[in-house]
């Protein structure tokens, strides 16, 4: 099954439309979450590939989730999506799947 980038992009842009009126900073760190379903996933390879593109990584729960952080970047739908797409394309190569993002304020 192929990943639906158009749907994922819509979700990110919808988040911004729904938050109209909420005061957001001009720039912030953004944390993108990825989960894995394969027991033998290449965590180290995934982290190396993300770091090569400028992300910092963390594994808050050692066996299920990886957080890829970038920034501070402009807090706009376009900029957040740009980095989300980069990280997601890398994730899919390593059998990880996107699980949302949040501003690290």
N, C-alpha and C. Protein backbone atom coordinates (compact mmCIF):
# COMPACT_ATOMS: atom_id res chain seq x y z
N UNK A 1 0.84 -1.18 0.00
CA UNK A 1 0.00 0.00 0.00
C UNK A 1 0.89 1.24 0.00
N UNK A 2 0.61 2.18 -0.87
CA UNK A 2 1.43 3.38 -0.95
C UNK A 2 0.91 4.43 0.04
N UNK A 3 1.81 5.29 0.45
CA UNK A 3 1.46 6.34 1.41
C UNK A 3 0.71 7.47 0.71
N UNK A 4 -0.30 8.01 1.37
CA UNK A 4 -1.11 9.09 0.81
C UNK A 4 -0.58 10.45 1.30
N UNK A 5 0.40 10.98 0.56
CA UNK A 5 0.99 12.26 0.94
C UNK A 5 -0.02 13.40 0.83
N UNK A 6 -0.92 13.33 -0.13
CA UNK A 6 -1.92 14.40 -0.29
C UNK A 6 -2.80 14.48 0.95
N UNK A 7 -3.21 13.34 1.48
CA UNK A 7 -4.03 13.32 2.69
C UNK A 7 -3.24 13.87 3.88
N UNK A 8 -2.01 13.44 4.01
CA UNK A 8 -1.16 13.90 5.11
C UNK A 8 -0.97 15.42 5.05
N UNK A 9 -0.73 15.94 3.85
CA UNK A 9 -0.56 17.38 3.67
C UNK A 9 -1.84 18.12 4.05
N UNK A 10 -3.00 17.60 3.61
CA UNK A 10 -4.28 18.22 3.96
C UNK A 10 -4.46 18.30 5.47
N UNK A 11 -4.08 17.23 6.18
CA UNK A 11 -4.20 17.23 7.64
C UNK A 11 -3.37 18.35 8.26
N UNK A 12 -2.16 18.54 7.77
CA UNK A 12 -1.31 19.60 8.30
C UNK A 12 -1.91 20.97 8.01
N UNK A 13 -2.36 21.20 6.80
CA UNK A 13 -2.94 22.49 6.45
C UNK A 13 -4.27 22.71 7.19
N UNK A 14 -5.06 21.64 7.39
CA UNK A 14 -6.30 21.76 8.16
C UNK A 14 -6.03 22.16 9.60
N UNK A 15 -4.96 21.65 10.16
CA UNK A 15 -4.59 22.01 11.54
C UNK A 15 -4.43 23.52 11.64
N UNK A 16 -3.80 24.13 10.66
CA UNK A 16 -3.61 25.58 10.69
C UNK A 16 -4.92 26.32 10.48
N UNK A 17 -5.76 25.83 9.58
CA UNK A 17 -7.06 26.48 9.36
C UNK A 17 -7.91 26.43 10.62
N UNK A 18 -7.87 25.32 11.33
CA UNK A 18 -8.68 25.15 12.54
C UNK A 18 -8.14 25.96 13.72
N UNK A 19 -6.90 26.39 13.64
CA UNK A 19 -6.31 27.12 14.77
C UNK A 19 -6.29 28.63 14.53
N UNK A 20 -7.09 29.10 13.59
CA UNK A 20 -7.17 30.55 13.35
C UNK A 20 -7.53 31.25 14.66
N UNK A 21 -6.83 32.33 14.95
CA UNK A 21 -7.09 33.07 16.17
C UNK A 21 -6.21 32.65 17.34
N UNK A 22 -5.53 31.53 17.21
CA UNK A 22 -4.61 31.07 18.25
C UNK A 22 -3.27 31.75 18.02
N UNK A 23 -2.73 32.34 19.07
CA UNK A 23 -1.44 33.02 18.94
C UNK A 23 -0.32 31.99 18.83
N UNK A 24 0.37 32.01 17.72
CA UNK A 24 1.49 31.09 17.49
C UNK A 24 2.78 31.90 17.36
N UNK A 25 3.89 31.33 17.78
CA UNK A 25 5.15 32.04 17.61
C UNK A 25 5.52 32.10 16.13
N UNK A 26 6.37 33.04 15.78
CA UNK A 26 6.82 33.15 14.40
C UNK A 26 7.71 31.97 14.02
N UNK A 27 8.51 31.49 14.99
CA UNK A 27 9.42 30.37 14.76
C UNK A 27 9.37 29.45 15.97
N UNK A 28 9.59 28.17 15.73
CA UNK A 28 9.62 27.20 16.82
C UNK A 28 10.28 25.91 16.36
N UNK A 29 10.69 25.12 17.32
CA UNK A 29 11.11 23.75 17.04
C UNK A 29 9.84 22.96 16.73
N UNK A 30 9.94 22.02 15.81
CA UNK A 30 8.80 21.15 15.49
C UNK A 30 9.26 19.71 15.68
N UNK A 31 8.43 18.95 16.40
CA UNK A 31 8.70 17.53 16.65
C UNK A 31 7.75 16.69 15.80
N UNK A 32 8.32 15.82 14.98
CA UNK A 32 7.54 14.90 14.16
C UNK A 32 7.67 13.51 14.77
N UNK A 33 6.54 12.84 14.99
CA UNK A 33 6.55 11.52 15.60
C UNK A 33 6.40 10.44 14.52
N UNK A 34 7.14 9.35 14.71
CA UNK A 34 7.07 8.20 13.80
C UNK A 34 7.01 6.93 14.64
N UNK A 35 6.18 5.99 14.19
CA UNK A 35 6.09 4.71 14.89
C UNK A 35 6.54 3.60 13.95
N UNK A 36 6.86 2.48 14.55
CA UNK A 36 7.34 1.34 13.78
C UNK A 36 6.46 0.14 14.08
N UNK A 37 6.29 -0.71 13.08
CA UNK A 37 5.54 -1.95 13.29
C UNK A 37 6.41 -3.18 13.17
N UNK A 38 7.58 -3.04 12.57
CA UNK A 38 8.48 -4.18 12.36
C UNK A 38 9.43 -4.33 13.54
N UNK A 39 9.55 -5.53 14.07
CA UNK A 39 10.44 -5.76 15.21
C UNK A 39 11.90 -5.56 14.84
N UNK A 40 12.26 -5.83 13.61
CA UNK A 40 13.66 -5.74 13.21
C UNK A 40 13.96 -4.44 12.43
N UNK A 41 13.25 -3.38 12.76
CA UNK A 41 13.44 -2.10 12.07
C UNK A 41 14.85 -1.58 12.26
N UNK A 42 15.34 -0.87 11.26
CA UNK A 42 16.68 -0.29 11.30
C UNK A 42 16.62 1.10 11.94
N UNK A 43 16.53 1.12 13.26
CA UNK A 43 16.46 2.37 14.00
C UNK A 43 17.68 3.24 13.72
N UNK A 44 18.86 2.64 13.77
CA UNK A 44 20.10 3.41 13.59
C UNK A 44 20.16 4.01 12.19
N UNK A 45 19.77 3.25 11.18
CA UNK A 45 19.77 3.76 9.81
C UNK A 45 18.79 4.91 9.64
N UNK A 46 17.62 4.77 10.24
CA UNK A 46 16.60 5.81 10.18
C UNK A 46 17.13 7.09 10.84
N UNK A 47 17.72 6.95 12.01
CA UNK A 47 18.26 8.12 12.71
C UNK A 47 19.39 8.78 11.92
N UNK A 48 20.27 7.99 11.35
CA UNK A 48 21.37 8.55 10.54
C UNK A 48 20.83 9.34 9.35
N UNK A 49 19.84 8.77 8.67
CA UNK A 49 19.26 9.44 7.50
C UNK A 49 18.58 10.75 7.89
N UNK A 50 17.88 10.76 9.01
CA UNK A 50 17.24 11.99 9.47
C UNK A 50 18.29 13.04 9.83
N UNK A 51 19.30 12.63 10.57
CA UNK A 51 20.35 13.57 10.99
C UNK A 51 21.07 14.16 9.78
N UNK A 52 21.23 13.37 8.73
CA UNK A 52 21.88 13.86 7.51
C UNK A 52 21.08 14.98 6.85
N UNK A 53 19.78 15.04 7.13
CA UNK A 53 18.91 16.09 6.58
C UNK A 53 18.67 17.23 7.56
N UNK A 54 19.34 17.19 8.73
CA UNK A 54 19.23 18.30 9.67
C UNK A 54 18.32 18.09 10.86
N UNK A 55 17.77 16.90 11.02
CA UNK A 55 16.90 16.61 12.16
C UNK A 55 17.72 16.15 13.36
N UNK A 56 17.18 16.39 14.55
CA UNK A 56 17.68 15.77 15.77
C UNK A 56 16.69 14.67 16.12
N UNK A 57 17.16 13.61 16.74
CA UNK A 57 16.28 12.49 17.02
C UNK A 57 16.27 12.14 18.50
N UNK A 58 15.16 11.55 18.93
CA UNK A 58 15.01 11.06 20.30
C UNK A 58 14.09 9.85 20.26
N UNK A 59 14.30 8.95 21.22
CA UNK A 59 13.45 7.76 21.33
C UNK A 59 12.87 7.71 22.73
N UNK A 60 11.74 8.39 22.94
CA UNK A 60 11.15 8.47 24.28
C UNK A 60 10.69 7.13 24.84
N UNK A 61 10.21 6.27 23.98
CA UNK A 61 9.86 4.91 24.40
C UNK A 61 10.62 3.98 23.47
N UNK A 62 11.68 3.46 23.95
CA UNK A 62 12.72 2.78 23.17
C UNK A 62 12.25 1.85 22.06
N UNK A 63 11.06 1.29 22.15
CA UNK A 63 10.68 0.25 21.19
C UNK A 63 9.58 0.62 20.21
N UNK A 64 9.02 1.83 20.30
CA UNK A 64 7.87 2.10 19.45
C UNK A 64 7.91 3.41 18.67
N UNK A 65 8.48 4.45 19.24
CA UNK A 65 8.37 5.78 18.65
C UNK A 65 9.72 6.45 18.50
N UNK A 66 9.88 7.18 17.41
CA UNK A 66 11.05 8.02 17.22
C UNK A 66 10.54 9.44 16.97
N UNK A 67 11.15 10.41 17.63
CA UNK A 67 10.81 11.82 17.43
C UNK A 67 11.93 12.46 16.62
N UNK A 68 11.56 13.09 15.52
CA UNK A 68 12.51 13.83 14.68
C UNK A 68 12.19 15.31 14.84
N UNK A 69 13.15 16.06 15.36
CA UNK A 69 12.94 17.49 15.63
C UNK A 69 13.76 18.33 14.67
N UNK A 70 13.19 19.47 14.30
CA UNK A 70 13.88 20.39 13.40
C UNK A 70 13.56 21.82 13.84
N UNK A 71 14.49 22.70 13.58
CA UNK A 71 14.19 24.10 13.84
C UNK A 71 15.18 24.77 14.75
N UNK A 72 14.79 25.97 15.13
CA UNK A 72 13.50 26.60 14.90
C UNK A 72 13.26 26.92 13.41
N UNK A 73 12.02 26.68 13.00
CA UNK A 73 11.58 26.98 11.64
C UNK A 73 10.38 27.91 11.71
N UNK A 74 10.02 28.50 10.58
CA UNK A 74 8.83 29.35 10.53
C UNK A 74 7.60 28.50 10.84
N UNK A 75 6.72 29.05 11.66
CA UNK A 75 5.50 28.33 12.02
C UNK A 75 4.42 28.68 11.01
N UNK A 76 4.51 28.01 9.86
CA UNK A 76 3.52 28.14 8.79
C UNK A 76 3.21 26.73 8.30
N UNK A 77 2.04 26.56 7.74
CA UNK A 77 1.67 25.25 7.21
C UNK A 77 2.67 24.80 6.15
N UNK A 78 3.09 25.72 5.31
CA UNK A 78 4.00 25.38 4.22
C UNK A 78 5.34 24.87 4.74
N UNK A 79 5.90 25.58 5.72
CA UNK A 79 7.22 25.20 6.23
C UNK A 79 7.15 23.91 7.04
N UNK A 80 6.12 23.78 7.85
CA UNK A 80 5.98 22.54 8.63
C UNK A 80 5.78 21.36 7.69
N UNK A 81 4.95 21.54 6.66
CA UNK A 81 4.75 20.45 5.70
C UNK A 81 6.04 20.12 4.96
N UNK A 82 6.80 21.11 4.57
CA UNK A 82 8.07 20.85 3.86
C UNK A 82 8.93 19.86 4.64
N UNK A 83 9.12 20.12 5.92
CA UNK A 83 9.96 19.25 6.75
C UNK A 83 9.26 17.93 7.07
N UNK A 84 7.95 17.97 7.21
CA UNK A 84 7.19 16.74 7.47
C UNK A 84 7.32 15.78 6.30
N UNK A 85 7.24 16.30 5.09
CA UNK A 85 7.36 15.45 3.91
C UNK A 85 8.77 14.84 3.81
N UNK A 86 9.78 15.65 4.07
CA UNK A 86 11.16 15.13 4.03
C UNK A 86 11.31 13.98 5.02
N UNK A 87 10.88 14.20 6.26
CA UNK A 87 11.02 13.18 7.30
C UNK A 87 10.18 11.94 6.98
N UNK A 88 8.98 12.14 6.45
CA UNK A 88 8.11 11.00 6.14
C UNK A 88 8.70 10.15 5.02
N UNK A 89 9.24 10.77 4.00
CA UNK A 89 9.85 10.00 2.91
C UNK A 89 11.01 9.14 3.44
N UNK A 90 11.80 9.71 4.33
CA UNK A 90 12.87 8.93 4.95
C UNK A 90 12.28 7.80 5.78
N UNK A 91 11.28 8.12 6.59
CA UNK A 91 10.66 7.13 7.47
C UNK A 91 10.15 5.92 6.70
N UNK A 92 9.46 6.17 5.61
CA UNK A 92 8.88 5.07 4.84
C UNK A 92 9.94 4.14 4.28
N UNK A 93 11.12 4.67 3.96
CA UNK A 93 12.22 3.83 3.48
C UNK A 93 12.67 2.83 4.54
N UNK A 94 12.44 3.16 5.81
CA UNK A 94 12.89 2.32 6.91
C UNK A 94 11.73 1.63 7.63
N UNK A 95 10.55 1.60 7.01
CA UNK A 95 9.35 0.96 7.57
C UNK A 95 8.85 1.62 8.84
N UNK A 96 8.99 2.94 8.92
CA UNK A 96 8.39 3.74 9.99
C UNK A 96 7.24 4.52 9.37
N UNK A 97 6.29 4.94 10.20
CA UNK A 97 5.10 5.61 9.71
C UNK A 97 4.85 6.89 10.50
N UNK A 98 4.36 7.95 9.85
CA UNK A 98 4.13 9.22 10.54
C UNK A 98 2.98 9.12 11.54
N UNK A 99 3.15 9.84 12.64
CA UNK A 99 2.14 9.84 13.69
C UNK A 99 1.91 11.26 14.22
N UNK A 100 2.00 12.24 13.33
CA UNK A 100 1.69 13.61 13.71
C UNK A 100 2.91 14.44 14.08
N UNK A 101 2.63 15.69 14.41
CA UNK A 101 3.69 16.63 14.78
C UNK A 101 3.13 17.58 15.82
N UNK A 102 4.05 18.24 16.52
CA UNK A 102 3.64 19.29 17.45
C UNK A 102 4.76 20.32 17.57
N UNK A 103 4.35 21.52 17.96
CA UNK A 103 5.33 22.57 18.20
C UNK A 103 5.97 22.32 19.55
N UNK A 104 7.27 22.46 19.61
CA UNK A 104 8.01 22.29 20.85
C UNK A 104 8.24 23.68 21.43
N UNK A 105 7.26 24.15 22.21
CA UNK A 105 7.31 25.52 22.75
C UNK A 105 7.90 25.57 24.13
